[in-house]
Protein backbone atom coordinates (compact mmCIF):
# COMPACT_ATOMS: atom_id res chain seq x y z
CA UNK A 1 49.32 212.73 100.19
CA UNK A 2 47.67 210.98 103.13
CA UNK A 3 46.34 208.31 100.81
CA UNK A 4 49.85 207.82 99.35
CA UNK A 5 51.29 207.39 102.85
CA UNK A 6 48.60 204.86 103.77
CA UNK A 7 49.48 202.78 100.71
CA UNK A 8 53.15 202.61 101.70
CA UNK A 9 54.61 199.56 103.51
CA UNK A 10 54.04 199.68 107.27
CA UNK A 11 57.74 200.30 108.02
CA UNK A 12 57.78 203.35 105.74
CA UNK A 13 54.58 204.63 107.32
CA UNK A 14 56.18 204.48 110.77
CA UNK A 15 59.27 206.33 109.55
CA UNK A 16 57.19 208.91 107.69
CA UNK A 17 55.15 209.53 110.82
CA UNK A 18 58.34 209.90 112.85
CA UNK A 19 59.97 212.44 110.50
CA UNK A 20 56.76 214.44 110.02
CA UNK A 21 56.34 214.64 113.79
CA UNK A 22 59.97 215.69 114.28
CA UNK A 23 59.70 218.39 111.58
CA UNK A 24 56.51 219.70 113.15
CA UNK A 25 58.15 219.90 116.60
CA UNK A 26 61.23 221.73 115.25
CA UNK A 27 59.03 224.21 113.34
CA UNK A 28 56.92 224.80 116.44
CA UNK A 29 60.06 225.50 118.53
CA UNK A 30 61.41 227.96 115.97
CA UNK A 31 58.09 229.82 115.77
CA UNK A 32 57.91 229.93 119.55
CA UNK A 33 61.44 231.34 119.72
CA UNK A 34 60.64 233.99 117.13
CA UNK A 35 57.40 235.01 118.76
CA UNK A 36 57.90 234.66 122.49
CA UNK A 37 61.67 234.51 122.97
CA UNK A 38 62.29 237.57 120.81
CA UNK A 39 59.67 239.64 122.64
CA UNK A 40 61.10 238.63 125.99
CA UNK A 41 64.64 239.56 124.87
CA UNK A 42 63.49 242.92 123.53
CA UNK A 43 61.92 243.77 126.88
CA UNK A 44 65.13 242.91 128.72
CA UNK A 45 67.26 244.93 126.33
CA UNK A 46 65.02 248.00 126.68
CA UNK A 47 64.97 247.62 130.47
CA UNK A 48 68.75 247.71 130.68
CA UNK A 49 69.25 250.20 127.81
CA UNK A 50 71.05 247.90 125.38
CA UNK A 51 70.76 248.09 121.63
CA UNK A 52 68.31 245.25 120.90
CA UNK A 53 68.84 244.76 117.19
CA UNK A 54 72.22 242.91 117.04
CA UNK A 55 71.52 240.94 120.22
CA UNK A 56 68.09 239.99 118.97
CA UNK A 57 69.48 238.69 115.68
CA UNK A 58 72.25 236.78 117.42
CA UNK A 59 69.85 235.32 120.02
CA UNK A 60 67.27 234.09 117.53
CA UNK A 61 69.93 232.73 115.19
CA UNK A 62 71.56 230.79 118.03
CA UNK A 63 68.24 229.34 119.17
CA UNK A 64 67.36 228.37 115.61
CA UNK A 65 70.68 226.56 115.28
CA UNK A 66 70.12 224.76 118.59
CA UNK A 67 66.54 223.84 117.65
CA UNK A 68 67.55 222.51 114.25
CA UNK A 69 70.52 220.65 115.71
CA UNK A 70 68.40 219.12 118.47
CA UNK A 71 65.75 218.24 115.90
CA UNK A 72 68.26 216.52 113.61
CA UNK A 73 69.83 214.67 116.53
CA UNK A 74 66.40 213.64 117.80
CA UNK A 75 65.34 212.56 114.32
CA UNK A 76 68.47 210.43 113.94
CA UNK A 77 68.14 208.85 117.38
CA UNK A 78 64.42 208.33 116.83
CA UNK A 79 65.04 206.76 113.44
CA UNK A 80 67.53 204.27 114.90
CA UNK A 81 65.30 203.45 117.84
CA UNK A 82 62.19 203.41 115.68
CA UNK A 83 63.88 201.02 113.25
CA UNK A 84 64.41 198.39 115.92
CA UNK A 85 60.95 198.93 117.42
CA UNK A 86 59.23 198.86 114.05
CA UNK A 87 61.10 195.70 113.10
CA UNK A 88 59.46 194.00 116.07
CA UNK A 89 56.11 195.01 114.61
CA UNK A 90 56.70 194.64 110.90
CA UNK A 91 58.72 191.41 110.86
CA UNK A 92 56.04 189.24 112.55
CA UNK A 93 53.39 190.78 110.32
CA UNK A 94 55.47 190.03 107.22
CA UNK A 95 55.97 186.47 108.51
CA UNK A 96 52.22 186.09 109.09
CA UNK A 97 51.49 187.35 105.57
CA UNK A 98 54.01 184.89 104.10
CA UNK A 99 52.71 181.96 106.15
CA UNK A 100 49.11 182.87 105.33
CA UNK A 101 49.95 182.60 101.64
CA UNK A 102 51.55 179.20 102.30
CA UNK A 103 48.51 178.05 104.31
CA UNK A 104 46.20 179.09 101.46
CA UNK A 105 48.44 177.03 99.16
CA UNK A 106 47.83 173.92 101.27
CA UNK A 107 50.58 173.82 103.91
CA UNK A 108 49.45 173.25 107.49
CA UNK A 109 52.44 172.50 109.75
CA UNK A 110 53.51 176.13 110.19
CA UNK A 111 54.09 178.38 113.17
CA UNK A 112 54.79 182.09 113.59
CA UNK A 113 57.58 182.89 116.05
CA UNK A 114 57.52 185.72 118.57
CA UNK A 115 54.42 185.05 120.66
CA UNK A 116 54.18 187.56 123.52
CA UNK A 117 51.71 189.83 125.31
CA UNK A 118 51.78 192.63 122.73
CA UNK A 119 49.06 193.00 120.12
CA UNK A 120 51.37 191.60 117.44
CA UNK A 121 52.32 188.69 119.71
CA UNK A 122 48.67 187.97 120.38
CA UNK A 123 48.02 188.07 116.63
CA UNK A 124 50.84 185.55 116.11
CA UNK A 125 49.40 183.28 118.81
CA UNK A 126 45.92 183.52 117.29
CA UNK A 127 47.35 182.67 113.87
CA UNK A 128 49.18 179.63 115.27
CA UNK A 129 46.02 178.42 117.01
CA UNK A 130 44.01 178.92 113.83
CA UNK A 131 46.47 176.89 111.74
CA UNK A 132 46.57 174.15 114.40
CA UNK A 133 42.77 173.94 114.49
CA UNK A 134 42.59 173.93 110.70
CA UNK A 135 45.13 171.11 110.56
CA UNK A 136 43.27 169.13 113.23
CA UNK A 137 39.95 169.60 111.45
CA UNK A 138 41.37 168.45 108.13
CA UNK A 139 42.85 165.39 109.83
CA UNK A 140 39.49 164.69 111.44
CA UNK A 141 37.71 165.03 108.11
CA UNK A 142 40.19 162.66 106.45
CA UNK A 143 39.77 160.19 109.29
CA UNK A 144 35.99 160.51 109.07
CA UNK A 145 36.00 159.82 105.33
CA UNK A 146 38.30 156.82 105.82
CA UNK A 147 36.16 155.41 108.62
CA UNK A 148 32.91 155.94 106.74
CA UNK A 149 34.35 154.27 103.66
CA UNK A 150 35.52 151.35 105.79
CA UNK A 151 32.17 151.01 107.54
CA UNK A 152 30.29 151.02 104.25
CA UNK A 153 32.72 148.75 102.45
CA UNK A 154 32.33 145.74 104.74
CA UNK A 155 28.53 145.29 104.49
CA UNK A 156 28.56 146.26 100.80
CA UNK A 157 31.22 143.62 100.12
CA UNK A 158 29.17 141.01 101.96
CA UNK A 159 25.98 141.98 100.12
CA UNK A 160 27.81 141.90 96.80
CA UNK A 161 29.27 138.47 97.58
CA UNK A 162 25.89 137.02 98.48
CA UNK A 163 24.22 138.53 95.41
CA UNK A 164 26.95 137.27 93.04
CA UNK A 165 26.72 133.82 94.61
CA UNK A 166 22.95 133.81 94.19
CA UNK A 167 23.19 135.11 90.61
CA UNK A 168 25.79 132.48 89.66
CA UNK A 169 23.74 129.83 91.47
CA UNK A 170 26.72 128.99 93.63
CA UNK A 171 24.41 129.25 96.65
CA UNK A 172 20.76 128.32 96.58
CA UNK A 173 18.31 130.91 97.87
CA UNK A 174 17.50 130.29 101.51
CA UNK A 175 16.05 132.03 104.51
CA UNK A 176 19.49 132.20 106.16
CA UNK A 177 20.98 134.06 103.19
CA UNK A 178 18.14 136.54 103.08
CA UNK A 179 18.45 137.08 106.85
CA UNK A 180 22.17 137.79 106.39
CA UNK A 181 21.41 140.25 103.59
CA UNK A 182 18.84 141.91 105.82
CA UNK A 183 21.35 142.25 108.66
CA UNK A 184 23.94 143.80 106.37
CA UNK A 185 21.32 146.23 105.06
CA UNK A 186 20.40 147.22 108.62
CA UNK A 187 24.08 147.84 109.32
CA UNK A 188 24.32 150.14 106.30
CA UNK A 189 21.19 151.95 107.42
CA UNK A 190 22.62 152.37 110.91
CA UNK A 191 25.83 153.94 109.58
CA UNK A 192 23.90 156.36 107.35
CA UNK A 193 21.49 157.26 110.16
CA UNK A 194 24.45 157.92 112.48
CA UNK A 195 25.99 160.26 109.92
CA UNK A 196 22.73 162.17 109.61
CA UNK A 197 22.51 162.36 113.41
CA UNK A 198 26.06 163.69 113.63
CA UNK A 199 25.36 166.35 111.00
CA UNK A 200 22.21 167.27 112.88
CA UNK A 201 24.21 167.58 116.11
CA UNK A 202 26.74 169.86 114.40
CA UNK A 203 23.92 172.08 113.18
CA UNK A 204 22.20 172.00 116.57
CA UNK A 205 25.19 173.57 118.28
CA UNK A 206 24.35 176.81 116.45
CA UNK A 207 20.60 176.76 117.11
CA UNK A 208 20.07 175.63 120.70
CA UNK A 209 16.91 176.88 122.41
CA UNK A 210 18.20 177.35 125.96
CA UNK A 211 15.49 177.45 128.60
CA UNK A 212 14.89 176.25 132.14
CA UNK A 213 14.51 172.47 131.81
CA UNK A 214 13.00 169.98 134.24
CA UNK A 215 15.68 167.28 134.28
CA UNK A 216 13.57 164.40 135.71
CA UNK A 217 11.03 164.80 132.90
CA UNK A 218 13.80 164.74 130.27
CA UNK A 219 15.27 161.59 131.81
CA UNK A 220 11.85 159.95 131.94
CA UNK A 221 11.33 160.86 128.28
CA UNK A 222 14.64 159.24 127.27
CA UNK A 223 13.87 156.10 129.28
CA UNK A 224 10.45 155.90 127.65
CA UNK A 225 12.02 156.03 124.18
CA UNK A 226 14.37 153.18 125.12
CA UNK A 227 11.60 151.14 126.83
CA UNK A 228 11.33 148.46 124.09
CA UNK A 229 15.06 147.72 124.32
CA UNK A 230 14.96 147.77 128.11
CA UNK A 231 12.07 145.32 128.30
CA UNK A 232 13.48 143.16 125.53
CA UNK A 233 16.72 142.75 127.52
CA UNK A 234 14.89 142.49 130.89
CA UNK A 235 17.00 145.34 132.29
CA UNK A 236 16.38 147.36 135.43
CA UNK A 237 16.65 151.13 134.80
CA UNK A 238 16.26 153.61 137.67
CA UNK A 239 16.91 157.35 138.06
CA UNK A 240 18.11 159.13 141.20
CA UNK A 241 18.23 162.90 141.70
CA UNK A 242 20.01 164.64 144.54
CA UNK A 243 18.31 167.72 146.03
CA UNK A 244 18.44 170.85 143.84
CA UNK A 245 19.29 168.94 140.67
CA UNK A 246 15.84 169.05 139.10
CA UNK A 247 16.28 172.28 137.10
CA UNK A 248 19.03 172.94 134.54
CA UNK A 249 19.62 175.36 131.68
CA UNK A 250 19.52 173.67 128.27
CA UNK A 251 17.61 172.60 125.19
CA UNK A 252 15.09 169.96 126.27
CA UNK A 253 15.02 168.11 122.93
CA UNK A 254 18.81 167.96 122.64
CA UNK A 255 19.23 166.86 126.25
CA UNK A 256 16.74 164.07 125.63
CA UNK A 257 18.87 163.06 122.63
CA UNK A 258 22.00 163.06 124.82
CA UNK A 259 20.37 160.87 127.46
CA UNK A 260 18.87 158.54 124.85
CA UNK A 261 22.29 157.98 123.29
CA UNK A 262 23.87 157.31 126.69
CA UNK A 263 21.09 154.91 127.67
CA UNK A 264 21.33 153.06 124.36
CA UNK A 265 25.08 152.79 124.81
CA UNK A 266 24.63 151.41 128.35
CA UNK A 267 21.91 148.97 127.22
CA UNK A 268 24.11 147.70 124.41
CA UNK A 269 26.96 146.93 126.80
CA UNK A 270 24.90 145.42 129.62
CA UNK A 271 24.03 141.73 129.81
CA UNK A 272 20.40 140.61 129.90
CA UNK A 273 18.90 141.14 133.33
CA UNK A 274 21.51 143.79 134.22
CA UNK A 275 21.11 147.16 135.87
CA UNK A 276 21.37 150.71 134.54
CA UNK A 277 20.90 153.88 136.55
CA UNK A 278 20.84 157.60 135.83
CA UNK A 279 22.26 159.68 138.69
CA UNK A 280 22.15 163.49 138.96
CA UNK A 281 24.41 165.24 141.45
CA UNK A 282 25.12 168.90 142.18
CA UNK A 283 28.33 170.84 142.70
CA UNK A 284 29.00 174.56 142.68
CA UNK A 285 27.40 176.00 139.56
CA UNK A 286 26.96 172.69 137.70
CA UNK A 287 24.75 169.62 137.59
CA UNK A 288 26.44 166.30 136.73
CA UNK A 289 24.34 163.59 135.09
CA UNK A 290 25.87 160.12 134.96
CA UNK A 291 24.62 156.95 133.28
CA UNK A 292 26.03 153.87 135.04
CA UNK A 293 25.74 150.20 134.13
CA UNK A 294 27.05 146.88 135.40
CA UNK A 295 27.99 145.55 131.99
CA UNK A 296 31.29 144.69 130.38
CA UNK A 297 32.89 148.06 131.13
CA UNK A 298 35.38 150.04 129.05
CA UNK A 299 38.94 148.97 128.39
CA UNK A 300 41.35 151.39 130.06
CA UNK A 301 43.16 151.91 126.76
CA UNK A 302 39.91 153.16 125.22
CA UNK A 303 38.84 155.66 127.90
CA UNK A 304 40.64 158.71 126.37
CA UNK A 305 39.03 158.05 122.96
CA UNK A 306 35.46 156.89 123.62
CA UNK A 307 34.02 160.26 122.51
CA UNK A 308 35.97 160.34 119.23
CA UNK A 309 34.06 160.03 116.00
CA UNK A 310 33.97 156.47 114.66
CA UNK A 311 36.09 155.26 117.53
CA UNK A 312 36.73 151.53 117.50
CA UNK A 313 36.68 150.15 121.03
CA UNK A 314 37.86 146.81 122.44
CA UNK A 315 36.11 144.42 124.69
CA UNK A 316 37.97 143.89 127.92
CA UNK A 317 40.56 141.18 127.55
CA UNK A 318 40.50 141.35 123.74
CA UNK A 319 42.99 143.02 121.42
CA UNK A 320 40.79 143.18 118.34
CA UNK A 321 38.48 146.00 117.34
CA UNK A 322 34.72 145.84 117.88
CA UNK A 323 31.68 147.97 117.09
CA UNK A 324 31.85 151.42 115.60
CA UNK A 325 29.42 154.18 116.55
CA UNK A 326 28.79 157.89 116.67
CA UNK A 327 26.50 158.00 119.69
CA UNK A 328 29.07 159.28 122.19
CA UNK A 329 30.56 161.67 119.61
CA UNK A 330 27.10 163.20 119.21
CA UNK A 331 26.78 163.42 123.01
CA UNK A 332 30.04 165.34 123.18
CA UNK A 333 28.99 167.78 120.44
CA UNK A 334 25.67 168.57 122.12
CA UNK A 335 26.97 168.81 125.68
CA UNK A 336 29.83 171.12 124.73
CA UNK A 337 27.35 173.28 122.83
CA UNK A 338 25.56 173.67 126.18
CA UNK A 339 28.82 174.80 127.80
CA UNK A 340 29.30 171.49 129.59
CA UNK A 341 31.86 168.70 129.64
CA UNK A 342 31.78 164.94 129.13
CA UNK A 343 33.76 162.09 130.62
CA UNK A 344 33.85 158.35 131.14
CA UNK A 345 35.38 155.93 133.63
CA UNK A 346 35.26 152.22 134.29
CA UNK A 347 36.29 150.82 137.65
CA UNK A 348 35.72 147.18 138.34
CA UNK A 349 32.51 146.01 136.70
CA UNK A 350 30.51 148.27 134.43
CA UNK A 351 31.02 151.75 133.05
CA UNK A 352 30.06 155.29 133.99
CA UNK A 353 29.57 157.99 131.34
CA UNK A 354 28.76 161.50 132.57
CA UNK A 355 28.20 165.06 131.45
CA UNK A 356 27.80 168.42 133.16
CA UNK A 357 25.32 171.24 132.66
CA UNK A 358 24.99 174.73 134.15
CA UNK A 359 22.45 174.81 136.96
CA UNK A 360 19.54 177.19 137.06
CA UNK A 361 20.43 180.66 138.39
CA UNK A 362 19.10 181.33 141.86
């Protein structure tokens, strides 16, 4: 019987529980009347020398009538009240079930009504957040596929054009043509390498080795990796650390990757002979690391989107699109996996890109 009740719809289960409880209470009252009330009446009758038999029968019958009447009235009132209460539970659940079936069928722009502080309301809110995140992720994946296809199409089209021209002898082989083909191949390699780096960053968020990290050594390691580019561009790169910013909690290898990406981004946007600096500051509970340069800066229209995957930025004063990269998107993935935040600003000349990390306890 219990198994049959559990297989019923939730609304029927609530009603069944209500009526079973009411029946149990009425039965308990009647038994109590028969056992305790009758004994008490018999003692009173004997004390005052009344014949107990007819009074006892009348007393117990009257109490049984009252108990059954009260039970029926309570069951009716409880059923009405329980109906409205159970509707507030069952209706959102039925809506969630229906919308879940629609989501599994491919719909995404859906929302359950009735968010509140109850468990069912919290379930509705969680469902809405889940659908919103699923929709956003699918949009991001579509955008990623479109951007990757676009990034691969341009160099492939150029390579194909050069090769067809060489095959048809429209263009004679020359060093310039082979240099152009080499540049397009490097661009393809860069896009593929960036995709591998992004996938590696996604995987790294689930396997970070958090330890106490010496920040100056990680910064020095990143600068050392970028040394050929720094010397080739004749740039000045310095690091400054405020007191009590030397130790952070993080994954040393991933933090070196974050700083390397930020330094490469700064180097790319700084003119030859320019200046880049890494600055670490401390606030309550966090360490902020900023990479600043005196290069071309970031267009104000681009600031909210510089950490998006395959974002296409603009040079200041230009309306057209420029380079595409995943470096800052990888930085965001890794920093947020550490429990930190990222940001960028550009005031006057140059740009400042920063991230936060939890400081060492104690």
